[in-house]
Amino acid sequence: MSGEAPYLGQNCVTPYPRNEIIRRVTWSVVQATVFRFSPRPCHQWRALLLKWFGADIPAPDQVVIFPTVRITFPWRLRLDPRSMIGRDVLIYNLATVSLARGANISQRVHLCAGTHDYSKWTMPLVTAPIQIGENAWIAADVFVGPGVTIGELAVIGARSVVVRDQPARMICAGHPCKPLKPRPDPDSTAS
């Protein structure tokens, strides 16, 4: 008898060293307690917790992070001033996720910076960074995959699936997401 037939995930091992696993578990406890149960207006407090765990947040008092946000690796997160992460956002940042100044991530968005190589039985991890451009808006329930860059002032329509880069100053939507029409500059006279 030749043994068991191959299966996906066969001989799979974690790509993370022990110290990173411990760091991640510690963050998970902090995120599930102190972070999660902090009062909604305490955005700076949550930013400081993330920074303490290694996030690159130059101005913690100038970002908005809701308490129901879930972030896998704080040390692979960059938030520029005036960026916002809305309710129930999942940031699965196996590679760096960066939000430029004014980037706005709406509720239940999933930013996923990793996948697996399905062409191998071991299904090794494949990661690539996600970059959200200045003043880009990612609307509700959008999925953004590994290696995607969203251009500045782009709008990604609700429930879109973004697996390729999206250009600056365009309204984009769909499954898969694609540019639909130019985005005009926001009206600076409106309140």
C-alpha atoms as a PDB file:
ATOM      1  CA  MET A   1       0.000   0.000   0.000  1.00  0.00           C
ATOM      2  CA  SER A   2       1.445   3.373  -1.034  1.00  0.00           C
ATOM      3  CA  GLY A   3      -0.019   5.550   1.755  1.00  0.00           C
ATOM      4  CA  GLU A   4      -2.498   8.376   1.914  1.00  0.00           C
ATOM      5  CA  ALA A   5      -3.415  10.340  -1.218  1.00  0.00           C
ATOM      6  CA  PRO A   6      -2.213  13.965  -1.277  1.00  0.00           C
ATOM      7  CA  TYR A   7      -4.507  16.643   0.178  1.00  0.00           C
ATOM      8  CA  LEU A   8      -4.480  20.448   0.341  1.00  0.00           C
ATOM      9  CA  GLY A   9      -2.485  21.650   3.318  1.00  0.00           C
ATOM     10  CA  GLN A  10      -0.423  18.465   3.500  1.00  0.00           C
ATOM     11  CA  ASN A  11       2.765  19.010   5.547  1.00  0.00           C
ATOM     12  CA  CYS A  12       1.789  22.662   6.053  1.00  0.00           C
ATOM     13  CA  VAL A  13       3.681  24.510   8.800  1.00  0.00           C
ATOM     14  CA  THR A  14       3.320  28.012  10.206  1.00  0.00           C
ATOM     15  CA  PRO A  15       5.605  30.539   8.495  1.00  0.00           C
ATOM     16  CA  TYR A  16       5.886  32.547  11.734  1.00  0.00           C
ATOM     17  CA  PRO A  17       8.647  32.261  14.341  1.00  0.00           C
ATOM     18  CA  ARG A  18       7.649  31.523  17.921  1.00  0.00           C
ATOM     19  CA  ASN A  19       8.206  35.093  19.155  1.00  0.00           C
ATOM     20  CA  GLU A  20       5.816  36.463  16.523  1.00  0.00           C
ATOM     21  CA  ILE A  21       3.169  33.916  17.496  1.00  0.00           C
ATOM     22  CA  ILE A  22       3.479  35.006  21.140  1.00  0.00           C
ATOM     23  CA  ARG A  23       3.275  38.657  20.100  1.00  0.00           C
ATOM     24  CA  ARG A  24       0.181  37.943  18.007  1.00  0.00           C
ATOM     25  CA  VAL A  25      -1.537  36.039  20.847  1.00  0.00           C
ATOM     26  CA  THR A  26      -0.775  38.901  23.251  1.00  0.00           C
ATOM     27  CA  TRP A  27      -2.241  41.403  20.784  1.00  0.00           C
ATOM     28  CA  SER A  28      -5.329  39.197  20.352  1.00  0.00           C
ATOM     29  CA  VAL A  29      -5.995  39.352  24.097  1.00  0.00           C
ATOM     30  CA  VAL A  30      -5.535  43.138  24.196  1.00  0.00           C
ATOM     31  CA  GLN A  31      -7.695  43.582  21.089  1.00  0.00           C
ATOM     32  CA  ALA A  32     -10.499  41.395  22.509  1.00  0.00           C
ATOM     33  CA  THR A  33     -10.578  43.303  25.799  1.00  0.00           C
ATOM     34  CA  VAL A  34      -9.037  46.749  26.285  1.00  0.00           C
ATOM     35  CA  PHE A  35      -9.307  47.734  22.602  1.00  0.00           C
ATOM     36  CA  ARG A  36     -12.747  46.234  21.918  1.00  0.00           C
ATOM     37  CA  PHE A  37     -14.478  47.532  25.051  1.00  0.00           C
ATOM     38  CA  SER A  38     -13.031  51.038  24.954  1.00  0.00           C
ATOM     39  CA  PRO A  39     -15.723  53.718  24.532  1.00  0.00           C
ATOM     40  CA  ARG A  40     -16.503  54.582  20.918  1.00  0.00           C
ATOM     41  CA  PRO A  41     -15.069  58.155  21.026  1.00  0.00           C
ATOM     42  CA  CYS A  42     -11.658  56.903  22.294  1.00  0.00           C
ATOM     43  CA  HIS A  43     -10.042  56.743  18.846  1.00  0.00           C
ATOM     44  CA  GLN A  44      -6.732  58.120  20.095  1.00  0.00           C
ATOM     45  CA  TRP A  45      -6.584  55.477  22.856  1.00  0.00           C
ATOM     46  CA  ARG A  46      -6.993  52.686  20.285  1.00  0.00           C
ATOM     47  CA  ALA A  47      -4.392  54.322  18.038  1.00  0.00           C
ATOM     48  CA  LEU A  48      -1.963  54.426  20.957  1.00  0.00           C
ATOM     49  CA  LEU A  49      -2.584  50.733  21.711  1.00  0.00           C
ATOM     50  CA  LEU A  50      -1.856  49.901  18.073  1.00  0.00           C
ATOM     51  CA  LYS A  51       1.257  52.070  18.156  1.00  0.00           C
ATOM     52  CA  TRP A  52       2.407  50.322  21.334  1.00  0.00           C
ATOM     53  CA  PHE A  53       2.170  47.045  19.401  1.00  0.00           C
ATOM     54  CA  GLY A  54       4.240  48.469  16.533  1.00  0.00           C
ATOM     55  CA  ALA A  55       1.785  50.220  14.184  1.00  0.00           C
ATOM     56  CA  ASP A  56       3.162  53.191  12.265  1.00  0.00           C
ATOM     57  CA  ILE A  57       0.771  55.987  13.250  1.00  0.00           C
ATOM     58  CA  PRO A  58       2.581  59.363  13.190  1.00  0.00           C
ATOM     59  CA  ALA A  59      -0.385  61.295  14.665  1.00  0.00           C
ATOM     60  CA  PRO A  60      -2.538  59.068  16.933  1.00  0.00           C
ATOM     61  CA  ASP A  61      -4.763  62.025  17.785  1.00  0.00           C
ATOM     62  CA  GLN A  62      -5.657  62.496  14.098  1.00  0.00           C
ATOM     63  CA  VAL A  63      -7.019  59.069  13.135  1.00  0.00           C
ATOM     64  CA  VAL A  64     -10.392  57.414  13.669  1.00  0.00           C
ATOM     65  CA  ILE A  65     -10.444  53.727  14.627  1.00  0.00           C
ATOM     66  CA  PHE A  66     -13.681  52.146  15.809  1.00  0.00           C
ATOM     67  CA  PRO A  67     -13.565  49.611  18.672  1.00  0.00           C
ATOM     68  CA  THR A  68     -14.989  46.764  16.555  1.00  0.00           C
ATOM     69  CA  VAL A  69     -12.102  46.888  14.070  1.00  0.00           C
ATOM     70  CA  ARG A  70     -10.056  43.658  13.924  1.00  0.00           C
ATOM     71  CA  ILE A  71      -6.383  43.884  12.989  1.00  0.00           C
ATOM     72  CA  THR A  72      -4.203  40.789  12.721  1.00  0.00           C
ATOM     73  CA  PHE A  73      -0.712  42.327  12.977  1.00  0.00           C
ATOM     74  CA  PRO A  74      -0.517  45.918  14.309  1.00  0.00           C
ATOM     75  CA  TRP A  75       3.180  46.026  13.371  1.00  0.00           C
ATOM     76  CA  ARG A  76       2.162  45.731   9.687  1.00  0.00           C
ATOM     77  CA  LEU A  77      -0.225  48.701   9.721  1.00  0.00           C
ATOM     78  CA  ARG A  78       0.401  52.304   8.702  1.00  0.00           C
ATOM     79  CA  LEU A  79      -2.204  55.019   9.266  1.00  0.00           C
ATOM     80  CA  ASP A  80      -1.497  58.538   8.070  1.00  0.00           C
ATOM     81  CA  PRO A  81      -3.274  61.513   9.681  1.00  0.00           C
ATOM     82  CA  ARG A  82      -7.006  61.908   9.019  1.00  0.00           C
ATOM     83  CA  SER A  83      -7.410  58.278   7.932  1.00  0.00           C
ATOM     84  CA  MET A  84     -10.409  56.388   9.263  1.00  0.00           C
ATOM     85  CA  ILE A  85     -11.246  52.716   9.863  1.00  0.00           C
ATOM     86  CA  GLY A  86     -14.985  52.163  10.364  1.00  0.00           C
ATOM     87  CA  ARG A  87     -17.073  49.656  12.309  1.00  0.00           C
ATOM     88  CA  ASP A  88     -16.429  45.914  11.940  1.00  0.00           C
ATOM     89  CA  VAL A  89     -13.558  46.347   9.470  1.00  0.00           C
ATOM     90  CA  LEU A  90     -11.271  43.314   9.179  1.00  0.00           C
ATOM     91  CA  ILE A  91      -7.638  44.055   8.386  1.00  0.00           C
ATOM     92  CA  TYR A  92      -5.976  40.713   7.695  1.00  0.00           C
ATOM     93  CA  ASN A  93      -2.575  42.282   7.198  1.00  0.00           C
ATOM     94  CA  LEU A  94      -0.239  39.385   6.585  1.00  0.00           C
ATOM     95  CA  ALA A  95       1.708  42.024   4.621  1.00  0.00           C
ATOM     96  CA  THR A  96       1.703  45.774   5.244  1.00  0.00           C
ATOM     97  CA  VAL A  97      -1.584  47.646   4.911  1.00  0.00           C
ATOM     98  CA  SER A  98      -1.164  51.418   4.481  1.00  0.00           C
ATOM     99  CA  LEU A  99      -3.830  54.114   4.563  1.00  0.00           C
ATOM    100  CA  ALA A 100      -2.695  57.466   3.200  1.00  0.00           C
ATOM    101  CA  ARG A 101      -3.903  60.814   4.539  1.00  0.00           C
ATOM    102  CA  GLY A 102      -7.690  61.051   4.598  1.00  0.00           C
ATOM    103  CA  ALA A 103      -8.322  57.473   3.424  1.00  0.00           C
ATOM    104  CA  ASN A 104     -11.728  56.318   4.630  1.00  0.00           C
ATOM    105  CA  ILE A 105     -12.587  52.643   5.166  1.00  0.00           C
ATOM    106  CA  SER A 106     -16.326  52.087   5.722  1.00  0.00           C
ATOM    107  CA  GLN A 107     -18.068  49.430   7.790  1.00  0.00           C
ATOM    108  CA  ARG A 108     -17.447  45.714   7.275  1.00  0.00           C
ATOM    109  CA  VAL A 109     -14.667  46.177   4.697  1.00  0.00           C
ATOM    110  CA  HIS A 110     -12.191  43.278   4.501  1.00  0.00           C
ATOM    111  CA  LEU A 111      -8.597  44.181   3.605  1.00  0.00           C
ATOM    112  CA  CYS A 112      -6.841  40.843   2.986  1.00  0.00           C
ATOM    113  CA  ALA A 113      -3.084  41.003   2.319  1.00  0.00           C
ATOM    114  CA  GLY A 114      -2.531  37.267   2.018  1.00  0.00           C
ATOM    115  CA  THR A 115      -3.557  34.135   0.196  1.00  0.00           C
ATOM    116  CA  HIS A 116      -2.148  30.670  -0.468  1.00  0.00           C
ATOM    117  CA  ASP A 117      -0.395  29.097  -3.433  1.00  0.00           C
ATOM    118  CA  TYR A 118      -3.077  26.594  -4.457  1.00  0.00           C
ATOM    119  CA  SER A 119      -0.733  25.036  -7.034  1.00  0.00           C
ATOM    120  CA  LYS A 120       1.166  23.255  -4.236  1.00  0.00           C
ATOM    121  CA  TRP A 121      -0.172  20.617  -1.861  1.00  0.00           C
ATOM    122  CA  THR A 122       1.416  22.448   1.089  1.00  0.00           C
ATOM    123  CA  MET A 123      -0.544  25.633   0.220  1.00  0.00           C
ATOM    124  CA  PRO A 124       2.295  28.002   1.260  1.00  0.00           C
ATOM    125  CA  LEU A 125       1.370  31.506   2.330  1.00  0.00           C
ATOM    126  CA  VAL A 126       1.646  34.256  -0.307  1.00  0.00           C
ATOM    127  CA  THR A 127       1.487  37.857   0.898  1.00  0.00           C
ATOM    128  CA  ALA A 128       1.488  41.263  -0.774  1.00  0.00           C
ATOM    129  CA  PRO A 129       0.912  44.771   0.649  1.00  0.00           C
ATOM    130  CA  ILE A 130      -2.269  46.815   0.244  1.00  0.00           C
ATOM    131  CA  GLN A 131      -2.064  50.580  -0.256  1.00  0.00           C
ATOM    132  CA  ILE A 132      -5.075  52.879   0.021  1.00  0.00           C
ATOM    133  CA  GLY A 133      -4.399  56.286  -1.533  1.00  0.00           C
ATOM    134  CA  GLU A 134      -4.942  59.745  -0.149  1.00  0.00           C
ATOM    135  CA  ASN A 135      -8.624  60.599   0.391  1.00  0.00           C
ATOM    136  CA  ALA A 136      -9.770  57.336  -1.198  1.00  0.00           C
ATOM    137  CA  TRP A 137     -13.085  55.987   0.064  1.00  0.00           C
ATOM    138  CA  ILE A 138     -13.719  52.260   0.342  1.00  0.00           C
ATOM    139  CA  ALA A 139     -17.492  51.856   0.808  1.00  0.00           C
ATOM    140  CA  ALA A 140     -19.321  49.238   2.914  1.00  0.00           C
ATOM    141  CA  ASP A 141     -18.659  45.503   2.621  1.00  0.00           C
ATOM    142  CA  VAL A 142     -15.849  45.786   0.051  1.00  0.00           C
ATOM    143  CA  PHE A 143     -13.200  43.047  -0.229  1.00  0.00           C
ATOM    144  CA  VAL A 144      -9.677  44.204  -1.180  1.00  0.00           C
ATOM    145  CA  GLY A 145      -7.196  41.448  -2.011  1.00  0.00           C
ATOM    146  CA  PRO A 146      -3.418  41.124  -1.679  1.00  0.00           C
ATOM    147  CA  GLY A 147      -1.150  43.440  -3.626  1.00  0.00           C
ATOM    148  CA  VAL A 148      -3.871  45.976  -4.498  1.00  0.00           C
ATOM    149  CA  THR A 149      -3.260  49.720  -4.666  1.00  0.00           C
ATOM    150  CA  ILE A 150      -6.236  52.093  -4.645  1.00  0.00           C
ATOM    151  CA  GLY A 151      -5.411  55.485  -6.180  1.00  0.00           C
ATOM    152  CA  GLU A 152      -5.916  58.831  -4.473  1.00  0.00           C
ATOM    153  CA  LEU A 153      -9.487  60.177  -4.359  1.00  0.00           C
ATOM    154  CA  ALA A 154     -10.823  56.905  -5.785  1.00  0.00           C
ATOM    155  CA  VAL A 155     -14.237  55.670  -4.655  1.00  0.00           C
ATOM    156  CA  ILE A 156     -14.779  51.917  -4.399  1.00  0.00           C
ATOM    157  CA  GLY A 157     -18.507  51.133  -4.476  1.00  0.00           C
ATOM    158  CA  ALA A 158     -20.229  49.054  -1.810  1.00  0.00           C
ATOM    159  CA  ARG A 159     -19.755  45.272  -1.948  1.00  0.00           C
ATOM    160  CA  SER A 160     -17.129  45.449  -4.676  1.00  0.00           C
ATOM    161  CA  VAL A 161     -14.413  42.792  -4.931  1.00  0.00           C
ATOM    162  CA  VAL A 162     -11.080  44.459  -5.666  1.00  0.00           C
ATOM    163  CA  VAL A 163      -8.367  42.107  -6.919  1.00  0.00           C
ATOM    164  CA  ARG A 164      -6.487  44.553  -9.168  1.00  0.00           C
ATOM    165  CA  ASP A 165      -5.181  48.094  -8.719  1.00  0.00           C
ATOM    166  CA  GLN A 166      -7.789  50.839  -9.133  1.00  0.00           C
ATOM    167  CA  PRO A 167      -6.834  54.216 -10.619  1.00  0.00           C
ATOM    168  CA  ALA A 168      -6.826  57.584  -8.919  1.00  0.00           C
ATOM    169  CA  ARG A 169      -9.827  59.900  -9.145  1.00  0.00           C
ATOM    170  CA  MET A 170     -12.196  57.242 -10.462  1.00  0.00           C
ATOM    171  CA  ILE A 171     -15.451  55.774  -9.185  1.00  0.00           C
ATOM    172  CA  CYS A 172     -14.983  52.015  -9.321  1.00  0.00           C
ATOM    173  CA  ALA A 173     -17.357  49.171  -8.523  1.00  0.00           C
ATOM    174  CA  GLY A 174     -18.288  45.614  -9.313  1.00  0.00           C
ATOM    175  CA  HIS A 175     -17.273  42.018  -9.003  1.00  0.00           C
ATOM    176  CA  PRO A 176     -14.564  42.203 -10.112  1.00  0.00           C
ATOM    177  CA  CYS A 177     -14.171  45.913  -9.420  1.00  0.00           C
ATOM    178  CA  LYS A 178     -13.429  48.149 -12.395  1.00  0.00           C
ATOM    179  CA  PRO A 179     -13.334  51.897 -13.085  1.00  0.00           C
ATOM    180  CA  LEU A 180     -16.739  53.276 -14.134  1.00  0.00           C
ATOM    181  CA  LYS A 181     -16.378  57.055 -14.387  1.00  0.00           C
ATOM    182  CA  PRO A 182     -14.175  59.927 -13.219  1.00  0.00           C
ATOM    183  CA  ARG A 183     -14.661  61.286  -9.732  1.00  0.00           C
ATOM    184  CA  PRO A 184     -14.986  65.049  -9.610  1.00  0.00           C
ATOM    185  CA  ASP A 185     -13.075  66.944  -6.944  1.00  0.00           C
ATOM    186  CA  PRO A 186     -15.098  67.244  -3.747  1.00  0.00           C
ATOM    187  CA  ASP A 187     -16.868  70.575  -3.268  1.00  0.00           C
ATOM    188  CA  SER A 188     -14.833  72.572  -0.746  1.00  0.00           C
ATOM    189  CA  THR A 189     -17.596  75.148  -0.210  1.00  0.00           C
ATOM    190  CA  ALA A 190     -20.067  72.673   1.286  1.00  0.00           C
ATOM    191  CA  SER A 191     -20.094  72.157   5.043  1.00  0.00           C
END
